[in-house]
């Protein structure tokens, strides 16, 4: 299933995307699942949520075309958005490290820092250094602590795409953290939807590409990850309980071409597209803060 949150005809709702191409549409789940499920997060937090969702969309027609909805982040208020840094082999080398790190780098993001599919990325007044990082994000479906590596993928409800956008000069404000540069409102994005794990094999490599104004700037597969999806879940759950709806962005490949001392930052009018064929395309344009 493809699970999404959106606004349609002036109201906020959630649903499942069905069909493909010109026939792709949205089955509105809020009126079908009743008062017990007010959001997609409620669906994931219920033991029966995904089963009831499958039953609700079985054999029905779409209520809306995809062009009628305004996409929101698939989960509007997750308890945790965790981000893994420097997690592709070439990305590690890009930082001058010959050896793979023993433990992953980690930091938090706030929900408001991530816009939905086709929503604008906002470059703030305070800096022109708006950067982007195409990533695959895991969505946790079961609560767990000290999860064994062998069972880790069983705790994933699905996956989505993420632009882990960054205000680069603000990650240097503190000596040991990057939080300031990672949490500006709407500097990143997530979506367009969550693809549930019954439709995607997370044990096989996934190919991620990023295009900036139609030009491929990132191109790699998850086979290059230093810490696999299972590694990340096992490690993180050692020190905190993972809960349904928690999101883990799993790292970004290095950008193609030679590293420049004067990077080309995102500017108003740019269009960024992140794609994994099994998931879809996350597309956003850039605007200046108004």
C-alpha atoms as a PDB file:
ATOM      1  CA  UNK A   1       0.000   0.000   0.000  1.00  0.00           C
ATOM      2  CA  UNK A   2       0.922   3.630  -0.502  1.00  0.00           C
ATOM      3  CA  UNK A   3      -0.216   5.595   2.543  1.00  0.00           C
ATOM      4  CA  UNK A   4      -0.426   9.378   2.491  1.00  0.00           C
ATOM      5  CA  UNK A   5      -1.635  12.460   4.339  1.00  0.00           C
ATOM      6  CA  UNK A   6      -3.042  15.463   2.492  1.00  0.00           C
ATOM      7  CA  UNK A   7      -5.493  18.322   2.317  1.00  0.00           C
ATOM      8  CA  UNK A   8      -8.453  18.039  -0.026  1.00  0.00           C
ATOM      9  CA  UNK A   9     -11.404  20.383  -0.524  1.00  0.00           C
ATOM     10  CA  UNK A  10     -10.410  22.423   2.494  1.00  0.00           C
ATOM     11  CA  UNK A  11     -10.001  19.581   4.982  1.00  0.00           C
ATOM     12  CA  UNK A  12      -7.079  17.551   6.276  1.00  0.00           C
ATOM     13  CA  UNK A  13      -7.264  13.805   5.745  1.00  0.00           C
ATOM     14  CA  UNK A  14      -5.291  10.647   5.036  1.00  0.00           C
ATOM     15  CA  UNK A  15      -5.639   7.787   2.618  1.00  0.00           C
ATOM     16  CA  UNK A  16      -4.168   5.229   0.258  1.00  0.00           C
ATOM     17  CA  UNK A  17      -2.893   5.914  -3.249  1.00  0.00           C
ATOM     18  CA  UNK A  18      -4.079   3.331  -5.764  1.00  0.00           C
ATOM     19  CA  UNK A  19      -3.573   2.766  -9.475  1.00  0.00           C
ATOM     20  CA  UNK A  20      -0.762   4.129 -11.616  1.00  0.00           C
ATOM     21  CA  UNK A  21      -0.085   6.759 -14.235  1.00  0.00           C
ATOM     22  CA  UNK A  22      -3.071   8.800 -15.333  1.00  0.00           C
ATOM     23  CA  UNK A  23      -5.380   6.426 -13.424  1.00  0.00           C
ATOM     24  CA  UNK A  24      -3.661   7.004 -10.081  1.00  0.00           C
ATOM     25  CA  UNK A  25      -6.000   8.240  -7.373  1.00  0.00           C
ATOM     26  CA  UNK A  26      -6.550   8.490  -3.634  1.00  0.00           C
ATOM     27  CA  UNK A  27      -8.932   6.458  -1.490  1.00  0.00           C
ATOM     28  CA  UNK A  28      -9.973   8.696   1.401  1.00  0.00           C
ATOM     29  CA  UNK A  29      -9.607   6.696   4.617  1.00  0.00           C
ATOM     30  CA  UNK A  30     -10.700   9.208   7.246  1.00  0.00           C
ATOM     31  CA  UNK A  31     -14.449   8.719   6.626  1.00  0.00           C
ATOM     32  CA  UNK A  32     -14.005   4.966   6.115  1.00  0.00           C
ATOM     33  CA  UNK A  33     -12.025   4.120   9.245  1.00  0.00           C
ATOM     34  CA  UNK A  34     -14.217   6.033  11.639  1.00  0.00           C
ATOM     35  CA  UNK A  35     -13.435   8.003  14.806  1.00  0.00           C
ATOM     36  CA  UNK A  36     -10.734   5.649  16.083  1.00  0.00           C
ATOM     37  CA  UNK A  37      -8.290   6.730  13.356  1.00  0.00           C
ATOM     38  CA  UNK A  38      -7.941  10.483  13.064  1.00  0.00           C
ATOM     39  CA  UNK A  39      -4.599  10.357  11.248  1.00  0.00           C
ATOM     40  CA  UNK A  40      -2.151   8.065   9.531  1.00  0.00           C
ATOM     41  CA  UNK A  41      -0.164   7.986  12.744  1.00  0.00           C
ATOM     42  CA  UNK A  42      -3.191   6.486  14.509  1.00  0.00           C
ATOM     43  CA  UNK A  43      -3.311   3.756  11.867  1.00  0.00           C
ATOM     44  CA  UNK A  44       0.305   2.791  12.499  1.00  0.00           C
ATOM     45  CA  UNK A  45      -0.131   2.863  16.255  1.00  0.00           C
ATOM     46  CA  UNK A  46      -3.024   0.385  16.139  1.00  0.00           C
ATOM     47  CA  UNK A  47      -2.326  -3.348  15.954  1.00  0.00           C
ATOM     48  CA  UNK A  48      -5.180  -3.672  13.465  1.00  0.00           C
ATOM     49  CA  UNK A  49      -4.590  -0.426  11.601  1.00  0.00           C
ATOM     50  CA  UNK A  50      -2.879  -1.742   8.481  1.00  0.00           C
ATOM     51  CA  UNK A  51      -5.223  -4.730   8.230  1.00  0.00           C
ATOM     52  CA  UNK A  52      -8.273  -2.484   8.465  1.00  0.00           C
ATOM     53  CA  UNK A  53      -6.750  -0.166   5.884  1.00  0.00           C
ATOM     54  CA  UNK A  54      -6.280  -3.035   3.425  1.00  0.00           C
ATOM     55  CA  UNK A  55      -9.877  -4.080   3.940  1.00  0.00           C
ATOM     56  CA  UNK A  56     -11.121  -0.511   3.508  1.00  0.00           C
ATOM     57  CA  UNK A  57      -9.436  -0.034   0.120  1.00  0.00           C
ATOM     58  CA  UNK A  58     -10.185  -3.501  -1.271  1.00  0.00           C
ATOM     59  CA  UNK A  59     -12.260  -3.283  -4.435  1.00  0.00           C
ATOM     60  CA  UNK A  60     -13.083   0.419  -4.120  1.00  0.00           C
ATOM     61  CA  UNK A  61     -12.557   3.274  -6.546  1.00  0.00           C
ATOM     62  CA  UNK A  62     -10.479   6.340  -5.798  1.00  0.00           C
ATOM     63  CA  UNK A  63     -12.297   9.272  -4.224  1.00  0.00           C
ATOM     64  CA  UNK A  64      -9.936  11.861  -5.694  1.00  0.00           C
ATOM     65  CA  UNK A  65      -7.347  12.117  -8.419  1.00  0.00           C
ATOM     66  CA  UNK A  66      -3.821  12.814  -7.212  1.00  0.00           C
ATOM     67  CA  UNK A  67      -4.036  16.265  -8.817  1.00  0.00           C
ATOM     68  CA  UNK A  68      -6.849  17.228  -6.422  1.00  0.00           C
ATOM     69  CA  UNK A  69      -4.878  16.778  -3.207  1.00  0.00           C
ATOM     70  CA  UNK A  70      -2.298  18.972  -1.507  1.00  0.00           C
ATOM     71  CA  UNK A  71       0.337  16.591  -0.165  1.00  0.00           C
ATOM     72  CA  UNK A  72       1.392  16.793   3.461  1.00  0.00           C
ATOM     73  CA  UNK A  73       4.214  14.854   5.129  1.00  0.00           C
ATOM     74  CA  UNK A  74       2.915  11.259   5.364  1.00  0.00           C
ATOM     75  CA  UNK A  75       3.045  11.435   9.178  1.00  0.00           C
ATOM     76  CA  UNK A  76       2.253  14.828  10.660  1.00  0.00           C
ATOM     77  CA  UNK A  77       3.363  14.427  14.271  1.00  0.00           C
ATOM     78  CA  UNK A  78       5.772  11.514  14.729  1.00  0.00           C
ATOM     79  CA  UNK A  79       7.301  11.169  18.169  1.00  0.00           C
ATOM     80  CA  UNK A  80      10.807  10.940  16.714  1.00  0.00           C
ATOM     81  CA  UNK A  81      12.523  11.888  13.468  1.00  0.00           C
ATOM     82  CA  UNK A  82      16.017  10.432  13.700  1.00  0.00           C
ATOM     83  CA  UNK A  83      18.696  11.079  11.096  1.00  0.00           C
ATOM     84  CA  UNK A  84      21.801   9.029  10.338  1.00  0.00           C
ATOM     85  CA  UNK A  85      24.793  10.966   9.038  1.00  0.00           C
ATOM     86  CA  UNK A  86      27.691   9.962   6.779  1.00  0.00           C
ATOM     87  CA  UNK A  87      26.329   6.482   6.070  1.00  0.00           C
ATOM     88  CA  UNK A  88      27.433   5.751   2.506  1.00  0.00           C
ATOM     89  CA  UNK A  89      30.970   4.545   1.830  1.00  0.00           C
ATOM     90  CA  UNK A  90      31.736   7.287  -0.676  1.00  0.00           C
ATOM     91  CA  UNK A  91      30.204   9.897   1.638  1.00  0.00           C
ATOM     92  CA  UNK A  92      32.528   8.755   4.432  1.00  0.00           C
ATOM     93  CA  UNK A  93      35.515   9.041   2.092  1.00  0.00           C
ATOM     94  CA  UNK A  94      34.305  12.504   1.067  1.00  0.00           C
ATOM     95  CA  UNK A  95      34.886  13.569   4.680  1.00  0.00           C
ATOM     96  CA  UNK A  96      38.454  12.254   4.509  1.00  0.00           C
ATOM     97  CA  UNK A  97      37.869   9.086   6.539  1.00  0.00           C
ATOM     98  CA  UNK A  98      39.480   5.931   5.181  1.00  0.00           C
ATOM     99  CA  UNK A  99      37.937   3.607   7.746  1.00  0.00           C
ATOM    100  CA  UNK A 100      34.238   3.024   8.266  1.00  0.00           C
ATOM    101  CA  UNK A 101      32.955   4.381  11.590  1.00  0.00           C
ATOM    102  CA  UNK A 102      32.210   1.890  14.345  1.00  0.00           C
ATOM    103  CA  UNK A 103      28.960   3.649  15.289  1.00  0.00           C
ATOM    104  CA  UNK A 104      26.594   5.820  13.241  1.00  0.00           C
ATOM    105  CA  UNK A 105      26.390   9.586  13.574  1.00  0.00           C
ATOM    106  CA  UNK A 106      22.924  10.718  14.646  1.00  0.00           C
ATOM    107  CA  UNK A 107      20.799  13.802  15.183  1.00  0.00           C
ATOM    108  CA  UNK A 108      17.137  14.818  15.479  1.00  0.00           C
ATOM    109  CA  UNK A 109      14.881  16.785  13.158  1.00  0.00           C
ATOM    110  CA  UNK A 110      11.675  18.603  14.047  1.00  0.00           C
ATOM    111  CA  UNK A 111       8.537  17.757  12.022  1.00  0.00           C
ATOM    112  CA  UNK A 112       8.135  21.372  10.837  1.00  0.00           C
ATOM    113  CA  UNK A 113      11.533  21.206   9.124  1.00  0.00           C
ATOM    114  CA  UNK A 114      10.135  18.782   6.504  1.00  0.00           C
ATOM    115  CA  UNK A 115       7.591  19.874   3.893  1.00  0.00           C
ATOM    116  CA  UNK A 116       5.384  17.498   1.923  1.00  0.00           C
ATOM    117  CA  UNK A 117       5.649  16.410  -1.711  1.00  0.00           C
ATOM    118  CA  UNK A 118       5.252  19.320  -4.174  1.00  0.00           C
ATOM    119  CA  UNK A 119       5.387  21.828  -1.319  1.00  0.00           C
ATOM    120  CA  UNK A 120       8.061  24.548  -1.420  1.00  0.00           C
ATOM    121  CA  UNK A 121      11.460  24.337   0.199  1.00  0.00           C
ATOM    122  CA  UNK A 122      12.057  27.663   1.896  1.00  0.00           C
ATOM    123  CA  UNK A 123      15.430  29.409   1.814  1.00  0.00           C
ATOM    124  CA  UNK A 124      15.628  31.682   4.876  1.00  0.00           C
ATOM    125  CA  UNK A 125      16.804  35.267   4.950  1.00  0.00           C
ATOM    126  CA  UNK A 126      19.711  34.448   7.259  1.00  0.00           C
ATOM    127  CA  UNK A 127      21.688  32.224   4.864  1.00  0.00           C
ATOM    128  CA  UNK A 128      22.038  31.384   1.189  1.00  0.00           C
ATOM    129  CA  UNK A 129      23.587  27.996   2.005  1.00  0.00           C
ATOM    130  CA  UNK A 130      20.500  25.805   1.531  1.00  0.00           C
ATOM    131  CA  UNK A 131      21.773  22.319   0.700  1.00  0.00           C
ATOM    132  CA  UNK A 132      19.982  19.025  -0.001  1.00  0.00           C
ATOM    133  CA  UNK A 133      20.504  15.340   0.776  1.00  0.00           C
ATOM    134  CA  UNK A 134      18.414  12.625  -0.887  1.00  0.00           C
ATOM    135  CA  UNK A 135      17.649   9.760   1.496  1.00  0.00           C
ATOM    136  CA  UNK A 136      15.466   6.737   2.141  1.00  0.00           C
ATOM    137  CA  UNK A 137      13.571   6.938   5.424  1.00  0.00           C
ATOM    138  CA  UNK A 138      12.281   4.006   7.469  1.00  0.00           C
ATOM    139  CA  UNK A 139       8.902   4.220   9.190  1.00  0.00           C
ATOM    140  CA  UNK A 140       8.668   2.068  12.304  1.00  0.00           C
ATOM    141  CA  UNK A 141       5.542  -0.078  12.668  1.00  0.00           C
ATOM    142  CA  UNK A 142       6.104  -1.937  15.958  1.00  0.00           C
ATOM    143  CA  UNK A 143       7.420  -0.818  19.314  1.00  0.00           C
ATOM    144  CA  UNK A 144      10.700  -2.383  20.322  1.00  0.00           C
ATOM    145  CA  UNK A 145      13.751  -2.039  22.525  1.00  0.00           C
ATOM    146  CA  UNK A 146      17.071  -3.890  22.048  1.00  0.00           C
ATOM    147  CA  UNK A 147      15.821  -5.306  18.769  1.00  0.00           C
ATOM    148  CA  UNK A 148      17.903  -8.180  17.437  1.00  0.00           C
ATOM    149  CA  UNK A 149      19.585  -7.523  14.099  1.00  0.00           C
ATOM    150  CA  UNK A 150      17.962 -10.630  12.616  1.00  0.00           C
ATOM    151  CA  UNK A 151      14.452  -9.358  13.440  1.00  0.00           C
ATOM    152  CA  UNK A 152      15.044  -5.649  12.819  1.00  0.00           C
ATOM    153  CA  UNK A 153      13.274  -5.350   9.465  1.00  0.00           C
ATOM    154  CA  UNK A 154      10.150  -6.927  10.971  1.00  0.00           C
ATOM    155  CA  UNK A 155       9.710  -3.688  12.931  1.00  0.00           C
ATOM    156  CA  UNK A 156       9.464  -1.541   9.786  1.00  0.00           C
ATOM    157  CA  UNK A 157       5.980  -0.611   8.562  1.00  0.00           C
ATOM    158  CA  UNK A 158       7.227   0.989   5.371  1.00  0.00           C
ATOM    159  CA  UNK A 159       9.594   3.416   3.702  1.00  0.00           C
ATOM    160  CA  UNK A 160       9.417   6.889   2.241  1.00  0.00           C
ATOM    161  CA  UNK A 161      11.762   9.434   0.661  1.00  0.00           C
ATOM    162  CA  UNK A 162      13.404  12.352   2.402  1.00  0.00           C
ATOM    163  CA  UNK A 163      15.326  15.459   1.439  1.00  0.00           C
ATOM    164  CA  UNK A 164      17.357  16.007   4.576  1.00  0.00           C
ATOM    165  CA  UNK A 165      17.832  19.686   3.739  1.00  0.00           C
ATOM    166  CA  UNK A 166      20.469  21.675   5.575  1.00  0.00           C
ATOM    167  CA  UNK A 167      21.533  25.268   6.135  1.00  0.00           C
ATOM    168  CA  UNK A 168      25.246  24.486   5.888  1.00  0.00           C
ATOM    169  CA  UNK A 169      26.832  27.449   7.635  1.00  0.00           C
ATOM    170  CA  UNK A 170      24.519  26.935  10.627  1.00  0.00           C
ATOM    171  CA  UNK A 171      25.775  23.388  11.276  1.00  0.00           C
ATOM    172  CA  UNK A 172      29.053  25.065  12.296  1.00  0.00           C
ATOM    173  CA  UNK A 173      27.567  27.255  15.022  1.00  0.00           C
ATOM    174  CA  UNK A 174      28.079  24.672  17.766  1.00  0.00           C
ATOM    175  CA  UNK A 175      31.261  22.729  18.405  1.00  0.00           C
ATOM    176  CA  UNK A 176      29.779  19.243  18.590  1.00  0.00           C
ATOM    177  CA  UNK A 177      26.324  19.360  16.994  1.00  0.00           C
ATOM    178  CA  UNK A 178      24.500  20.069  13.741  1.00  0.00           C
ATOM    179  CA  UNK A 179      21.007  20.678  15.126  1.00  0.00           C
ATOM    180  CA  UNK A 180      20.880  24.374  14.251  1.00  0.00           C
ATOM    181  CA  UNK A 181      21.495  23.754  10.565  1.00  0.00           C
ATOM    182  CA  UNK A 182      19.074  20.835  10.290  1.00  0.00           C
ATOM    183  CA  UNK A 183      15.856  22.283  11.677  1.00  0.00           C
ATOM    184  CA  UNK A 184      14.911  25.429   9.780  1.00  0.00           C
ATOM    185  CA  UNK A 185      11.227  25.328   8.842  1.00  0.00           C
ATOM    186  CA  UNK A 186      10.511  23.689   5.470  1.00  0.00           C
ATOM    187  CA  UNK A 187      14.157  23.374   4.458  1.00  0.00           C
ATOM    188  CA  UNK A 188      13.727  19.640   3.854  1.00  0.00           C
ATOM    189  CA  UNK A 189      10.909  17.434   2.646  1.00  0.00           C
ATOM    190  CA  UNK A 190       9.446  13.959   3.035  1.00  0.00           C
ATOM    191  CA  UNK A 191       7.032  11.807   1.036  1.00  0.00           C
ATOM    192  CA  UNK A 192       5.184  11.573  -1.200  1.00  0.00           C
ATOM    193  CA  UNK A 193       3.793   8.569   0.696  1.00  0.00           C
ATOM    194  CA  UNK A 194       4.789   5.527   2.750  1.00  0.00           C
ATOM    195  CA  UNK A 195       5.169   2.288   0.800  1.00  0.00           C
ATOM    196  CA  UNK A 196       4.393  -0.611   3.143  1.00  0.00           C
ATOM    197  CA  UNK A 197       6.877  -3.456   3.416  1.00  0.00           C
ATOM    198  CA  UNK A 198       4.556  -5.992   1.788  1.00  0.00           C
ATOM    199  CA  UNK A 199       5.310  -4.157  -1.469  1.00  0.00           C
ATOM    200  CA  UNK A 200       9.062  -3.634  -1.124  1.00  0.00           C
ATOM    201  CA  UNK A 201      11.952  -5.935  -0.197  1.00  0.00           C
ATOM    202  CA  UNK A 202      14.219  -4.023   2.168  1.00  0.00           C
ATOM    203  CA  UNK A 203      16.767  -6.827   2.153  1.00  0.00           C
ATOM    204  CA  UNK A 204      17.609  -6.056  -1.492  1.00  0.00           C
ATOM    205  CA  UNK A 205      19.546  -2.973  -2.680  1.00  0.00           C
ATOM    206  CA  UNK A 206      17.425   0.067  -3.519  1.00  0.00           C
ATOM    207  CA  UNK A 207      18.610   2.529  -6.158  1.00  0.00           C
ATOM    208  CA  UNK A 208      18.309   6.190  -5.197  1.00  0.00           C
ATOM    209  CA  UNK A 209      18.829   9.090  -7.590  1.00  0.00           C
ATOM    210  CA  UNK A 210      18.537  12.826  -7.065  1.00  0.00           C
ATOM    211  CA  UNK A 211      17.976  15.350  -9.851  1.00  0.00           C
ATOM    212  CA  UNK A 212      18.455  19.085  -9.527  1.00  0.00           C
ATOM    213  CA  UNK A 213      16.737  20.925 -12.384  1.00  0.00           C
ATOM    214  CA  UNK A 214      16.711  17.678 -14.362  1.00  0.00           C
ATOM    215  CA  UNK A 215      20.422  16.882 -13.877  1.00  0.00           C
ATOM    216  CA  UNK A 216      21.385  13.802 -11.839  1.00  0.00           C
ATOM    217  CA  UNK A 217      23.491  14.921  -8.879  1.00  0.00           C
ATOM    218  CA  UNK A 218      23.283  11.861  -6.597  1.00  0.00           C
ATOM    219  CA  UNK A 219      23.178   8.246  -7.779  1.00  0.00           C
ATOM    220  CA  UNK A 220      23.854   5.196  -5.608  1.00  0.00           C
ATOM    221  CA  UNK A 221      22.278   2.119  -4.040  1.00  0.00           C
ATOM    222  CA  UNK A 222      21.766   1.031  -0.467  1.00  0.00           C
ATOM    223  CA  UNK A 223      24.421  -1.633  -1.065  1.00  0.00           C
ATOM    224  CA  UNK A 224      26.885   1.214  -0.433  1.00  0.00           C
ATOM    225  CA  UNK A 225      25.534   1.963   3.026  1.00  0.00           C
ATOM    226  CA  UNK A 226      28.003   1.578   5.871  1.00  0.00           C
ATOM    227  CA  UNK A 227      25.249   0.688   8.330  1.00  0.00           C
ATOM    228  CA  UNK A 228      22.333  -1.258   6.851  1.00  0.00           C
ATOM    229  CA  UNK A 229      18.692  -0.674   7.727  1.00  0.00           C
ATOM    230  CA  UNK A 230      18.884  -3.581  10.179  1.00  0.00           C
ATOM    231  CA  UNK A 231      22.141  -2.269  11.679  1.00  0.00           C
ATOM    232  CA  UNK A 232      20.549   1.116  12.325  1.00  0.00           C
ATOM    233  CA  UNK A 233      17.427  -0.272  13.978  1.00  0.00           C
ATOM    234  CA  UNK A 234      19.400  -2.642  16.180  1.00  0.00           C
ATOM    235  CA  UNK A 235      21.770   0.143  17.259  1.00  0.00           C
ATOM    236  CA  UNK A 236      19.163   2.843  17.912  1.00  0.00           C
ATOM    237  CA  UNK A 237      16.853   0.495  19.810  1.00  0.00           C
ATOM    238  CA  UNK A 238      19.707  -0.329  22.174  1.00  0.00           C
ATOM    239  CA  UNK A 239      19.342   3.032  23.929  1.00  0.00           C
ATOM    240  CA  UNK A 240      15.765   4.090  23.120  1.00  0.00           C
ATOM    241  CA  UNK A 241      12.421   2.439  22.513  1.00  0.00           C
ATOM    242  CA  UNK A 242      11.357   2.739  18.901  1.00  0.00           C
ATOM    243  CA  UNK A 243       7.630   3.314  18.497  1.00  0.00           C
ATOM    244  CA  UNK A 244       5.149   3.072  15.627  1.00  0.00           C
ATOM    245  CA  UNK A 245       5.391   6.161  13.457  1.00  0.00           C
ATOM    246  CA  UNK A 246       8.994   6.953  14.343  1.00  0.00           C
ATOM    247  CA  UNK A 247      10.982   7.949  11.253  1.00  0.00           C
ATOM    248  CA  UNK A 248      14.652   7.192  10.600  1.00  0.00           C
ATOM    249  CA  UNK A 249      16.375   8.923   7.665  1.00  0.00           C
ATOM    250  CA  UNK A 250      19.183   6.554   6.748  1.00  0.00           C
ATOM    251  CA  UNK A 251      21.868   8.737   5.150  1.00  0.00           C
ATOM    252  CA  UNK A 252      22.719  10.258   1.784  1.00  0.00           C
ATOM    253  CA  UNK A 253      25.191   9.361  -0.986  1.00  0.00           C
ATOM    254  CA  UNK A 254      27.906  11.805  -1.981  1.00  0.00           C
ATOM    255  CA  UNK A 255      27.091  14.283  -4.716  1.00  0.00           C
ATOM    256  CA  UNK A 256      28.495  13.510  -8.159  1.00  0.00           C
ATOM    257  CA  UNK A 257      31.412  15.415  -9.645  1.00  0.00           C
ATOM    258  CA  UNK A 258      34.455  16.994  -7.993  1.00  0.00           C
ATOM    259  CA  UNK A 259      34.036  18.543  -4.582  1.00  0.00           C
ATOM    260  CA  UNK A 260      33.925  22.310  -4.899  1.00  0.00           C
ATOM    261  CA  UNK A 261      35.142  24.932  -2.463  1.00  0.00           C
ATOM    262  CA  UNK A 262      32.182  27.053  -3.609  1.00  0.00           C
ATOM    263  CA  UNK A 263      29.182  24.669  -3.664  1.00  0.00           C
ATOM    264  CA  UNK A 264      26.110  25.492  -5.710  1.00  0.00           C
ATOM    265  CA  UNK A 265      23.471  26.083  -3.043  1.00  0.00           C
ATOM    266  CA  UNK A 266      19.771  25.726  -3.767  1.00  0.00           C
ATOM    267  CA  UNK A 267      18.219  28.951  -5.015  1.00  0.00           C
ATOM    268  CA  UNK A 268      14.648  30.104  -5.625  1.00  0.00           C
ATOM    269  CA  UNK A 269      13.235  28.461  -8.759  1.00  0.00           C
ATOM    270  CA  UNK A 270      15.277  25.260  -8.437  1.00  0.00           C
ATOM    271  CA  UNK A 271      13.424  21.947  -8.647  1.00  0.00           C
ATOM    272  CA  UNK A 272      14.667  18.947  -6.672  1.00  0.00           C
ATOM    273  CA  UNK A 273      13.542  15.369  -7.378  1.00  0.00           C
ATOM    274  CA  UNK A 274      14.440  12.320  -5.288  1.00  0.00           C
ATOM    275  CA  UNK A 275      13.521   8.931  -6.722  1.00  0.00           C
ATOM    276  CA  UNK A 276      13.565   5.278  -5.751  1.00  0.00           C
ATOM    277  CA  UNK A 277      11.593   3.252  -8.342  1.00  0.00           C
ATOM    278  CA  UNK A 278       9.966   1.035  -5.711  1.00  0.00           C
ATOM    279  CA  UNK A 279       8.802   4.103  -3.754  1.00  0.00           C
ATOM    280  CA  UNK A 280       8.205   6.945  -6.201  1.00  0.00           C
ATOM    281  CA  UNK A 281       9.402  10.516  -6.671  1.00  0.00           C
ATOM    282  CA  UNK A 282       9.587  13.263  -4.057  1.00  0.00           C
ATOM    283  CA  UNK A 283       9.526  16.611  -5.873  1.00  0.00           C
ATOM    284  CA  UNK A 284       9.910  20.117  -4.437  1.00  0.00           C
ATOM    285  CA  UNK A 285      10.699  23.564  -5.747  1.00  0.00           C
ATOM    286  CA  UNK A 286      12.630  26.253  -3.874  1.00  0.00           C
ATOM    287  CA  UNK A 287      11.270  29.643  -2.830  1.00  0.00           C
ATOM    288  CA  UNK A 288      12.664  32.554  -0.857  1.00  0.00           C
ATOM    289  CA  UNK A 289      11.174  33.110   2.569  1.00  0.00           C
ATOM    290  CA  UNK A 290       8.421  35.678   2.309  1.00  0.00           C
END
